[in-house]
Amino acid sequence: MTTQPTATTSTLASPDSFRSLMSEFPTGVCAVTTRDLDGEPRGMTCSSVTSVSLDPPTLLVCLRAGSPTLQALLDSRSFSVNFLHAQGQESAELFASGNPDRFALVPWDQPPGAGGPHLVRDAHTVADCEVVLTQRMGDHVTVFGEARRITRQHARPPLLYGQRQFRSWSQT
């Protein structure tokens, strides 16, 4: 039995077509947090998070070049990746907004030795990391972080983002 090919279209890759392509690939949602040299908390929403190595336990995050969070992270050489749970959408949107008062609007704590603030209400798990390598590519910087501590905060399903929408992990 043969199948009929589906209609296809091609366009040259552009920022808009690439954004559209990647929106079709759902991913988890995190808030990357750190502190600047003055001790002020910094953070931003990030869906570009990938595991790299189990030994040593290493992940990577991709952050917009020029962001105050990235600069603080590079200066401090440490950060936390707050893996948001399904009820954390409000924080995901807040940390994506650029609102300078975001840390005044969410509960957080920074335990001794943590890489950055932990979003205690909205993260199901937090990985505290040390920067081990950075690489700039276009308008983003890839930061490799060796996980030093993992803190499980809530047993809730993760928050996902795809097709420009937030969703919860379905257990059905």
N, C-alpha and C. Protein backbone atom coordinates (compact mmCIF):
# COMPACT_ATOMS: atom_id res chain seq x y z
N MET A 1 0.83 -1.16 0.00
CA MET A 1 0.00 0.00 0.00
C MET A 1 0.89 1.24 0.00
N THR A 2 0.60 2.17 -0.85
CA THR A 2 1.35 3.42 -0.89
C THR A 2 0.49 4.53 -0.33
N THR A 3 1.16 5.49 0.25
CA THR A 3 0.43 6.64 0.78
C THR A 3 0.73 7.84 -0.08
N GLN A 4 -0.21 8.73 -0.14
CA GLN A 4 -0.03 9.95 -0.89
C GLN A 4 0.79 10.92 -0.05
N PRO A 5 1.78 11.57 -0.66
CA PRO A 5 2.54 12.54 0.11
C PRO A 5 1.66 13.72 0.50
N THR A 6 1.97 14.28 1.64
CA THR A 6 1.23 15.45 2.09
C THR A 6 1.81 16.69 1.42
N ALA A 7 1.02 17.72 1.32
CA ALA A 7 1.50 18.97 0.74
C ALA A 7 2.53 19.58 1.68
N THR A 8 3.62 20.05 1.13
CA THR A 8 4.66 20.68 1.94
C THR A 8 4.93 22.07 1.41
N THR A 9 5.42 22.90 2.29
CA THR A 9 5.87 24.23 1.91
C THR A 9 7.21 24.47 2.55
N SER A 10 8.02 25.26 1.89
CA SER A 10 9.33 25.63 2.41
C SER A 10 9.46 27.14 2.37
N THR A 11 10.13 27.67 3.38
CA THR A 11 10.48 29.08 3.40
C THR A 11 11.91 29.19 3.87
N LEU A 12 12.53 30.28 3.53
CA LEU A 12 13.86 30.52 4.06
C LEU A 12 13.75 30.73 5.57
N ALA A 13 14.72 30.23 6.28
CA ALA A 13 14.71 30.40 7.74
C ALA A 13 14.91 31.87 8.07
N SER A 14 14.07 32.38 8.94
CA SER A 14 14.14 33.75 9.43
C SER A 14 13.84 33.70 10.92
N PRO A 15 14.05 34.80 11.64
CA PRO A 15 13.69 34.76 13.07
C PRO A 15 12.22 34.37 13.28
N ASP A 16 11.32 34.89 12.47
CA ASP A 16 9.89 34.56 12.65
C ASP A 16 9.59 33.10 12.32
N SER A 17 10.14 32.58 11.21
CA SER A 17 9.85 31.19 10.87
C SER A 17 10.52 30.23 11.85
N PHE A 18 11.68 30.61 12.37
CA PHE A 18 12.35 29.77 13.37
C PHE A 18 11.58 29.77 14.68
N ARG A 19 11.07 30.93 15.10
CA ARG A 19 10.26 31.02 16.31
C ARG A 19 9.02 30.14 16.15
N SER A 20 8.39 30.19 14.98
CA SER A 20 7.21 29.37 14.72
C SER A 20 7.57 27.88 14.78
N LEU A 21 8.68 27.50 14.17
CA LEU A 21 9.14 26.11 14.22
C LEU A 21 9.31 25.64 15.65
N MET A 22 10.03 26.42 16.46
CA MET A 22 10.33 26.01 17.83
C MET A 22 9.09 26.02 18.71
N SER A 23 8.06 26.80 18.35
CA SER A 23 6.84 26.79 19.15
C SER A 23 6.12 25.46 19.05
N GLU A 24 6.44 24.69 18.04
CA GLU A 24 5.83 23.36 17.86
C GLU A 24 6.56 22.28 18.66
N PHE A 25 7.57 22.67 19.41
CA PHE A 25 8.34 21.72 20.22
C PHE A 25 8.13 22.07 21.69
N PRO A 26 7.14 21.44 22.35
CA PRO A 26 6.85 21.80 23.74
C PRO A 26 8.03 21.50 24.66
N THR A 27 8.14 22.33 25.68
CA THR A 27 9.26 22.19 26.61
C THR A 27 8.82 22.60 28.01
N GLY A 28 9.59 22.23 28.99
CA GLY A 28 9.34 22.67 30.35
C GLY A 28 9.69 24.14 30.51
N VAL A 29 9.20 24.73 31.59
CA VAL A 29 9.42 26.16 31.84
C VAL A 29 10.17 26.32 33.16
N CYS A 30 11.19 27.15 33.13
CA CYS A 30 12.01 27.41 34.31
C CYS A 30 12.18 28.91 34.51
N ALA A 31 12.55 29.27 35.71
CA ALA A 31 13.02 30.63 35.99
C ALA A 31 14.46 30.49 36.46
N VAL A 32 15.36 31.12 35.74
CA VAL A 32 16.78 31.12 36.12
C VAL A 32 16.98 32.33 37.03
N THR A 33 17.56 32.09 38.20
CA THR A 33 17.76 33.17 39.17
C THR A 33 19.20 33.22 39.66
N THR A 34 19.61 34.39 40.07
CA THR A 34 20.95 34.61 40.62
C THR A 34 20.91 35.92 41.40
N ARG A 35 22.05 36.38 41.85
CA ARG A 35 22.16 37.70 42.49
C ARG A 35 23.29 38.47 41.81
N ASP A 36 23.09 39.78 41.72
CA ASP A 36 24.15 40.61 41.13
C ASP A 36 25.21 40.92 42.19
N LEU A 37 26.22 41.67 41.79
CA LEU A 37 27.34 41.96 42.70
C LEU A 37 26.92 42.78 43.91
N ASP A 38 25.78 43.48 43.82
CA ASP A 38 25.25 44.25 44.95
C ASP A 38 24.33 43.41 45.82
N GLY A 39 24.14 42.13 45.47
CA GLY A 39 23.27 41.25 46.25
C GLY A 39 21.81 41.28 45.84
N GLU A 40 21.47 42.06 44.80
CA GLU A 40 20.08 42.14 44.34
C GLU A 40 19.71 40.90 43.55
N PRO A 41 18.52 40.34 43.81
CA PRO A 41 18.10 39.15 43.05
C PRO A 41 17.78 39.50 41.61
N ARG A 42 18.14 38.62 40.71
CA ARG A 42 17.87 38.76 39.27
C ARG A 42 17.28 37.45 38.79
N GLY A 43 16.43 37.53 37.77
CA GLY A 43 15.87 36.29 37.24
C GLY A 43 15.09 36.52 35.97
N MET A 44 14.96 35.46 35.20
CA MET A 44 14.20 35.51 33.97
C MET A 44 13.65 34.13 33.63
N THR A 45 12.53 34.11 32.90
CA THR A 45 11.95 32.86 32.45
C THR A 45 12.82 32.28 31.35
N CYS A 46 12.94 30.95 31.37
CA CYS A 46 13.79 30.27 30.40
C CYS A 46 13.17 28.93 30.06
N SER A 47 12.99 28.68 28.77
CA SER A 47 12.52 27.35 28.35
C SER A 47 13.63 26.60 27.62
N SER A 48 14.79 27.23 27.48
CA SER A 48 15.93 26.58 26.84
C SER A 48 16.83 25.99 27.92
N VAL A 49 16.44 24.82 28.40
CA VAL A 49 17.17 24.11 29.44
C VAL A 49 17.34 22.67 28.97
N THR A 50 18.55 22.16 29.06
CA THR A 50 18.83 20.80 28.59
C THR A 50 19.83 20.14 29.52
N SER A 51 19.63 18.85 29.76
CA SER A 51 20.65 18.11 30.49
C SER A 51 21.81 17.84 29.53
N VAL A 52 23.01 17.87 30.08
CA VAL A 52 24.21 17.70 29.26
C VAL A 52 24.97 16.45 29.66
N SER A 53 25.15 16.25 30.97
CA SER A 53 25.99 15.15 31.46
C SER A 53 25.48 14.69 32.81
N LEU A 54 25.58 13.39 33.06
CA LEU A 54 25.25 12.85 34.37
C LEU A 54 26.45 12.88 35.31
N ASP A 55 27.66 12.79 34.74
CA ASP A 55 28.86 12.74 35.56
C ASP A 55 29.96 13.60 34.92
N PRO A 56 30.14 14.84 35.35
CA PRO A 56 29.43 15.48 36.45
C PRO A 56 28.02 15.92 36.02
N PRO A 57 27.10 16.05 36.98
CA PRO A 57 25.74 16.45 36.64
C PRO A 57 25.74 17.89 36.12
N THR A 58 25.47 18.04 34.83
CA THR A 58 25.58 19.34 34.16
C THR A 58 24.37 19.59 33.29
N LEU A 59 23.90 20.82 33.31
CA LEU A 59 22.81 21.25 32.43
C LEU A 59 23.25 22.51 31.71
N LEU A 60 22.45 22.91 30.73
CA LEU A 60 22.71 24.18 30.09
C LEU A 60 21.43 25.00 30.04
N VAL A 61 21.60 26.31 30.08
CA VAL A 61 20.51 27.26 29.89
C VAL A 61 20.97 28.25 28.83
N CYS A 62 20.03 28.74 28.05
CA CYS A 62 20.35 29.75 27.05
C CYS A 62 19.63 31.03 27.42
N LEU A 63 20.41 32.08 27.63
CA LEU A 63 19.87 33.36 28.08
C LEU A 63 20.19 34.45 27.07
N ARG A 64 19.29 35.42 26.97
CA ARG A 64 19.46 36.52 26.03
C ARG A 64 20.69 37.34 26.39
N ALA A 65 21.56 37.53 25.40
CA ALA A 65 22.73 38.38 25.59
C ALA A 65 22.26 39.78 25.95
N GLY A 66 22.92 40.40 26.88
CA GLY A 66 22.55 41.75 27.29
C GLY A 66 21.55 41.81 28.42
N SER A 67 21.03 40.67 28.86
CA SER A 67 20.05 40.72 29.95
C SER A 67 20.78 40.95 31.28
N PRO A 68 20.16 41.71 32.18
CA PRO A 68 20.77 41.90 33.50
C PRO A 68 20.94 40.58 34.26
N THR A 69 20.03 39.63 34.04
CA THR A 69 20.17 38.33 34.70
C THR A 69 21.44 37.62 34.23
N LEU A 70 21.67 37.61 32.91
CA LEU A 70 22.87 36.98 32.39
C LEU A 70 24.12 37.64 32.96
N GLN A 71 24.16 38.96 32.98
CA GLN A 71 25.34 39.65 33.50
C GLN A 71 25.58 39.31 34.97
N ALA A 72 24.52 39.29 35.76
CA ALA A 72 24.66 38.94 37.18
C ALA A 72 25.15 37.51 37.34
N LEU A 73 24.62 36.61 36.53
CA LEU A 73 25.01 35.20 36.57
C LEU A 73 26.50 35.05 36.23
N LEU A 74 26.95 35.77 35.20
CA LEU A 74 28.36 35.70 34.81
C LEU A 74 29.26 36.29 35.90
N ASP A 75 28.79 37.35 36.55
CA ASP A 75 29.59 37.97 37.62
C ASP A 75 29.66 37.07 38.86
N SER A 76 28.52 36.46 39.23
CA SER A 76 28.49 35.65 40.45
C SER A 76 29.01 34.24 40.24
N ARG A 77 28.97 33.78 38.99
CA ARG A 77 29.42 32.42 38.61
C ARG A 77 28.54 31.33 39.20
N SER A 78 27.33 31.69 39.65
CA SER A 78 26.39 30.69 40.17
C SER A 78 24.97 31.11 39.84
N PHE A 79 24.07 30.12 39.82
CA PHE A 79 22.67 30.39 39.51
C PHE A 79 21.82 29.21 39.95
N SER A 80 20.51 29.47 40.01
CA SER A 80 19.54 28.42 40.30
C SER A 80 18.59 28.29 39.12
N VAL A 81 18.21 27.07 38.83
CA VAL A 81 17.19 26.81 37.81
C VAL A 81 15.97 26.32 38.56
N ASN A 82 14.93 27.15 38.57
CA ASN A 82 13.66 26.84 39.23
C ASN A 82 12.74 26.19 38.20
N PHE A 83 12.54 24.88 38.31
CA PHE A 83 11.66 24.16 37.39
C PHE A 83 10.23 24.38 37.87
N LEU A 84 9.45 25.12 37.08
CA LEU A 84 8.13 25.54 37.52
C LEU A 84 7.10 24.43 37.38
N HIS A 85 6.19 24.36 38.36
CA HIS A 85 5.11 23.38 38.30
C HIS A 85 3.90 24.01 37.63
N ALA A 86 2.87 23.20 37.41
CA ALA A 86 1.71 23.59 36.61
C ALA A 86 1.00 24.83 37.14
N GLN A 87 1.10 25.11 38.44
CA GLN A 87 0.47 26.31 38.98
C GLN A 87 1.41 27.51 38.98
N GLY A 88 2.55 27.40 38.32
CA GLY A 88 3.54 28.47 38.29
C GLY A 88 3.48 29.38 37.08
N GLN A 89 2.41 29.31 36.31
CA GLN A 89 2.31 30.11 35.10
C GLN A 89 2.42 31.61 35.37
N GLU A 90 1.81 32.07 36.45
CA GLU A 90 1.87 33.51 36.76
C GLU A 90 3.32 33.96 36.96
N SER A 91 4.12 33.15 37.63
CA SER A 91 5.54 33.50 37.80
C SER A 91 6.29 33.42 36.48
N ALA A 92 5.96 32.44 35.65
CA ALA A 92 6.60 32.33 34.34
C ALA A 92 6.35 33.61 33.54
N GLU A 93 5.13 34.08 33.55
CA GLU A 93 4.79 35.31 32.82
C GLU A 93 5.45 36.53 33.45
N LEU A 94 5.47 36.59 34.78
CA LEU A 94 6.09 37.71 35.47
C LEU A 94 7.58 37.78 35.15
N PHE A 95 8.28 36.65 35.23
CA PHE A 95 9.73 36.65 34.99
C PHE A 95 10.07 36.84 33.52
N ALA A 96 9.10 36.64 32.62
CA ALA A 96 9.30 36.93 31.20
C ALA A 96 9.01 38.39 30.88
N SER A 97 8.31 39.09 31.77
CA SER A 97 7.82 40.44 31.49
C SER A 97 8.90 41.52 31.59
N GLY A 98 9.95 41.27 32.33
CA GLY A 98 10.95 42.31 32.56
C GLY A 98 10.58 43.25 33.70
N ASN A 99 9.50 42.97 34.41
CA ASN A 99 9.08 43.80 35.53
C ASN A 99 10.22 43.88 36.55
N PRO A 100 10.73 45.08 36.84
CA PRO A 100 11.86 45.18 37.77
C PRO A 100 11.52 44.81 39.21
N ASP A 101 10.22 44.74 39.55
CA ASP A 101 9.80 44.41 40.91
C ASP A 101 9.38 42.95 41.05
N ARG A 102 9.77 42.08 40.12
CA ARG A 102 9.27 40.69 40.12
C ARG A 102 9.54 39.97 41.44
N PHE A 103 10.68 40.22 42.07
CA PHE A 103 10.97 39.50 43.31
C PHE A 103 10.14 40.01 44.49
N ALA A 104 9.57 41.19 44.38
CA ALA A 104 8.67 41.70 45.42
C ALA A 104 7.27 41.09 45.28
N LEU A 105 7.01 40.44 44.14
CA LEU A 105 5.67 39.93 43.84
C LEU A 105 5.53 38.43 44.01
N VAL A 106 6.62 37.73 44.31
CA VAL A 106 6.57 36.27 44.49
C VAL A 106 7.33 35.88 45.74
N PRO A 107 6.87 34.83 46.42
CA PRO A 107 7.64 34.35 47.57
C PRO A 107 8.90 33.62 47.12
N TRP A 108 10.01 33.95 47.76
CA TRP A 108 11.27 33.30 47.43
C TRP A 108 12.16 33.25 48.66
N ASP A 109 13.16 32.41 48.58
CA ASP A 109 14.13 32.26 49.66
C ASP A 109 15.45 31.88 49.00
N GLN A 110 16.53 32.19 49.65
CA GLN A 110 17.84 31.74 49.16
C GLN A 110 18.57 31.06 50.30
N PRO A 111 18.46 29.72 50.34
CA PRO A 111 19.16 28.99 51.41
C PRO A 111 20.68 29.18 51.31
N PRO A 112 21.40 29.02 52.40
CA PRO A 112 22.86 29.13 52.35
C PRO A 112 23.43 28.16 51.30
N GLY A 113 24.34 28.67 50.51
CA GLY A 113 24.98 27.85 49.49
C GLY A 113 24.21 27.72 48.19
N ALA A 114 23.01 28.30 48.11
CA ALA A 114 22.22 28.21 46.88
C ALA A 114 22.83 29.10 45.81
N GLY A 115 22.63 28.73 44.56
CA GLY A 115 23.15 29.51 43.44
C GLY A 115 22.39 30.79 43.19
N GLY A 116 21.15 30.84 43.65
CA GLY A 116 20.30 32.00 43.46
C GLY A 116 19.01 31.79 44.21
N PRO A 117 18.08 32.74 44.12
CA PRO A 117 16.81 32.60 44.81
C PRO A 117 16.01 31.38 44.35
N HIS A 118 15.35 30.75 45.31
CA HIS A 118 14.43 29.63 45.04
C HIS A 118 13.01 30.18 45.08
N LEU A 119 12.24 29.91 44.05
CA LEU A 119 10.83 30.33 44.02
C LEU A 119 10.04 29.28 44.78
N VAL A 120 9.84 29.51 46.07
CA VAL A 120 9.33 28.49 46.99
C VAL A 120 7.89 28.08 46.74
N ARG A 121 7.09 28.93 46.13
CA ARG A 121 5.70 28.58 45.85
C ARG A 121 5.54 27.93 44.47
N ASP A 122 6.34 28.34 43.51
CA ASP A 122 6.07 28.01 42.10
C ASP A 122 7.01 27.00 41.45
N ALA A 123 8.06 26.61 42.12
CA ALA A 123 9.00 25.63 41.55
C ALA A 123 8.77 24.27 42.20
N HIS A 124 8.70 23.23 41.37
CA HIS A 124 8.61 21.88 41.94
C HIS A 124 9.98 21.38 42.35
N THR A 125 11.02 21.82 41.64
CA THR A 125 12.39 21.40 41.93
C THR A 125 13.33 22.54 41.56
N VAL A 126 14.43 22.67 42.29
CA VAL A 126 15.42 23.70 42.00
C VAL A 126 16.79 23.04 41.92
N ALA A 127 17.55 23.39 40.87
CA ALA A 127 18.94 22.95 40.74
C ALA A 127 19.84 24.16 40.96
N ASP A 128 20.72 24.06 41.96
CA ASP A 128 21.70 25.11 42.22
C ASP A 128 22.97 24.74 41.46
N CYS A 129 23.43 25.67 40.63
CA CYS A 129 24.52 25.38 39.70
C CYS A 129 25.68 26.36 39.81
N GLU A 130 26.84 25.87 39.41
CA GLU A 130 28.04 26.68 39.28
C GLU A 130 28.36 26.78 37.79
N VAL A 131 28.67 27.97 37.31
CA VAL A 131 29.00 28.17 35.90
C VAL A 131 30.33 27.49 35.61
N VAL A 132 30.34 26.63 34.56
CA VAL A 132 31.59 25.97 34.18
C VAL A 132 32.04 26.34 32.77
N LEU A 133 31.12 26.88 31.96
CA LEU A 133 31.47 27.23 30.58
C LEU A 133 30.37 28.11 30.01
N THR A 134 30.75 29.06 29.16
CA THR A 134 29.76 29.86 28.43
C THR A 134 30.16 29.91 26.96
N GLN A 135 29.16 30.06 26.11
CA GLN A 135 29.40 30.15 24.66
C GLN A 135 28.34 31.06 24.05
N ARG A 136 28.76 32.13 23.40
CA ARG A 136 27.81 33.02 22.75
C ARG A 136 27.46 32.48 21.36
N MET A 137 26.16 32.55 21.03
CA MET A 137 25.70 32.18 19.70
C MET A 137 24.59 33.15 19.33
N GLY A 138 24.88 34.03 18.39
CA GLY A 138 23.88 35.00 17.96
C GLY A 138 23.48 35.91 19.10
N ASP A 139 22.18 36.00 19.35
CA ASP A 139 21.68 36.92 20.38
C ASP A 139 21.50 36.26 21.75
N HIS A 140 22.05 35.06 21.93
CA HIS A 140 21.96 34.35 23.21
C HIS A 140 23.33 33.84 23.66
N VAL A 141 23.41 33.52 24.93
CA VAL A 141 24.61 32.91 25.50
C VAL A 141 24.19 31.60 26.15
N THR A 142 24.89 30.53 25.79
CA THR A 142 24.66 29.24 26.42
C THR A 142 25.55 29.16 27.65
N VAL A 143 24.93 28.86 28.78
CA VAL A 143 25.65 28.75 30.05
C VAL A 143 25.56 27.30 30.51
N PHE A 144 26.70 26.68 30.67
CA PHE A 144 26.75 25.32 31.20
C PHE A 144 26.94 25.43 32.71
N GLY A 145 26.06 24.75 33.44
CA GLY A 145 26.13 24.79 34.89
C GLY A 145 26.23 23.41 35.49
N GLU A 146 27.23 23.23 36.35
CA GLU A 146 27.34 21.97 37.07
C GLU A 146 26.42 22.05 38.29
N ALA A 147 25.47 21.12 38.35
CA ALA A 147 24.52 21.09 39.47
C ALA A 147 25.25 20.68 40.74
N ARG A 148 25.14 21.51 41.76
CA ARG A 148 25.77 21.24 43.06
C ARG A 148 24.78 20.70 44.07
N ARG A 149 23.50 21.13 43.93
CA ARG A 149 22.47 20.68 44.86
C ARG A 149 21.14 20.70 44.12
N ILE A 150 20.29 19.72 44.43
CA ILE A 150 18.95 19.63 43.86
C ILE A 150 17.96 19.58 45.01
N THR A 151 17.00 20.51 44.99
CA THR A 151 16.02 20.61 46.06
C THR A 151 14.63 20.37 45.50
N ARG A 152 13.98 19.32 45.98
CA ARG A 152 12.60 19.02 45.58
C ARG A 152 11.68 19.77 46.53
N GLN A 153 10.80 20.63 45.98
CA GLN A 153 9.94 21.47 46.81
C GLN A 153 8.48 21.04 46.81
N HIS A 154 7.96 20.61 45.67
CA HIS A 154 6.55 20.25 45.55
C HIS A 154 6.42 19.04 44.62
N ALA A 155 5.51 18.16 44.93
CA ALA A 155 5.22 17.02 44.05
C ALA A 155 4.03 17.38 43.16
N ARG A 156 4.29 18.25 42.20
CA ARG A 156 3.25 18.69 41.27
C ARG A 156 3.76 18.50 39.85
N PRO A 157 2.84 18.34 38.89
CA PRO A 157 3.29 18.17 37.50
C PRO A 157 3.94 19.44 36.96
N PRO A 158 4.86 19.29 36.01
CA PRO A 158 5.58 20.44 35.49
C PRO A 158 4.72 21.32 34.58
N LEU A 159 5.12 22.58 34.50
CA LEU A 159 4.52 23.53 33.57
C LEU A 159 5.22 23.37 32.22
N LEU A 160 4.43 23.29 31.16
CA LEU A 160 4.97 23.15 29.80
C LEU A 160 4.60 24.36 28.96
N TYR A 161 5.38 24.60 27.91
CA TYR A 161 5.09 25.69 26.98
C TYR A 161 5.31 25.18 25.56
N GLY A 162 4.31 25.37 24.72
CA GLY A 162 4.39 25.01 23.31
C GLY A 162 3.23 25.64 22.57
N GLN A 163 3.39 25.82 21.29
CA GLN A 163 2.37 26.48 20.46
C GLN A 163 1.92 27.79 21.09
N ARG A 164 2.89 28.47 21.74
CA ARG A 164 2.69 29.76 22.39
C ARG A 164 1.61 29.73 23.47
N GLN A 165 1.52 28.58 24.16
CA GLN A 165 0.56 28.41 25.23
C GLN A 165 1.20 27.63 26.38
N PHE A 166 0.77 27.94 27.60
CA PHE A 166 1.17 27.18 28.76
C PHE A 166 0.20 26.03 28.94
N ARG A 167 0.72 24.90 29.39
CA ARG A 167 -0.10 23.73 29.67
C ARG A 167 0.52 22.97 30.85
N SER A 168 -0.31 22.10 31.42
CA SER A 168 0.15 21.22 32.48
C SER A 168 0.42 19.84 31.87
N TRP A 169 1.35 19.14 32.49
CA TRP A 169 1.61 17.75 32.08
C TRP A 169 0.37 16.94 32.38
N SER A 170 -0.16 16.26 31.41
CA SER A 170 -1.37 15.45 31.61
C SER A 170 -0.96 14.03 31.98
N GLN A 171 -1.60 13.50 33.02
CA GLN A 171 -1.31 12.15 33.46
C GLN A 171 -2.26 11.13 32.82
N THR A 172 -3.08 11.55 31.86
CA THR A 172 -4.05 10.62 31.24
C THR A 172 -3.43 9.86 30.10
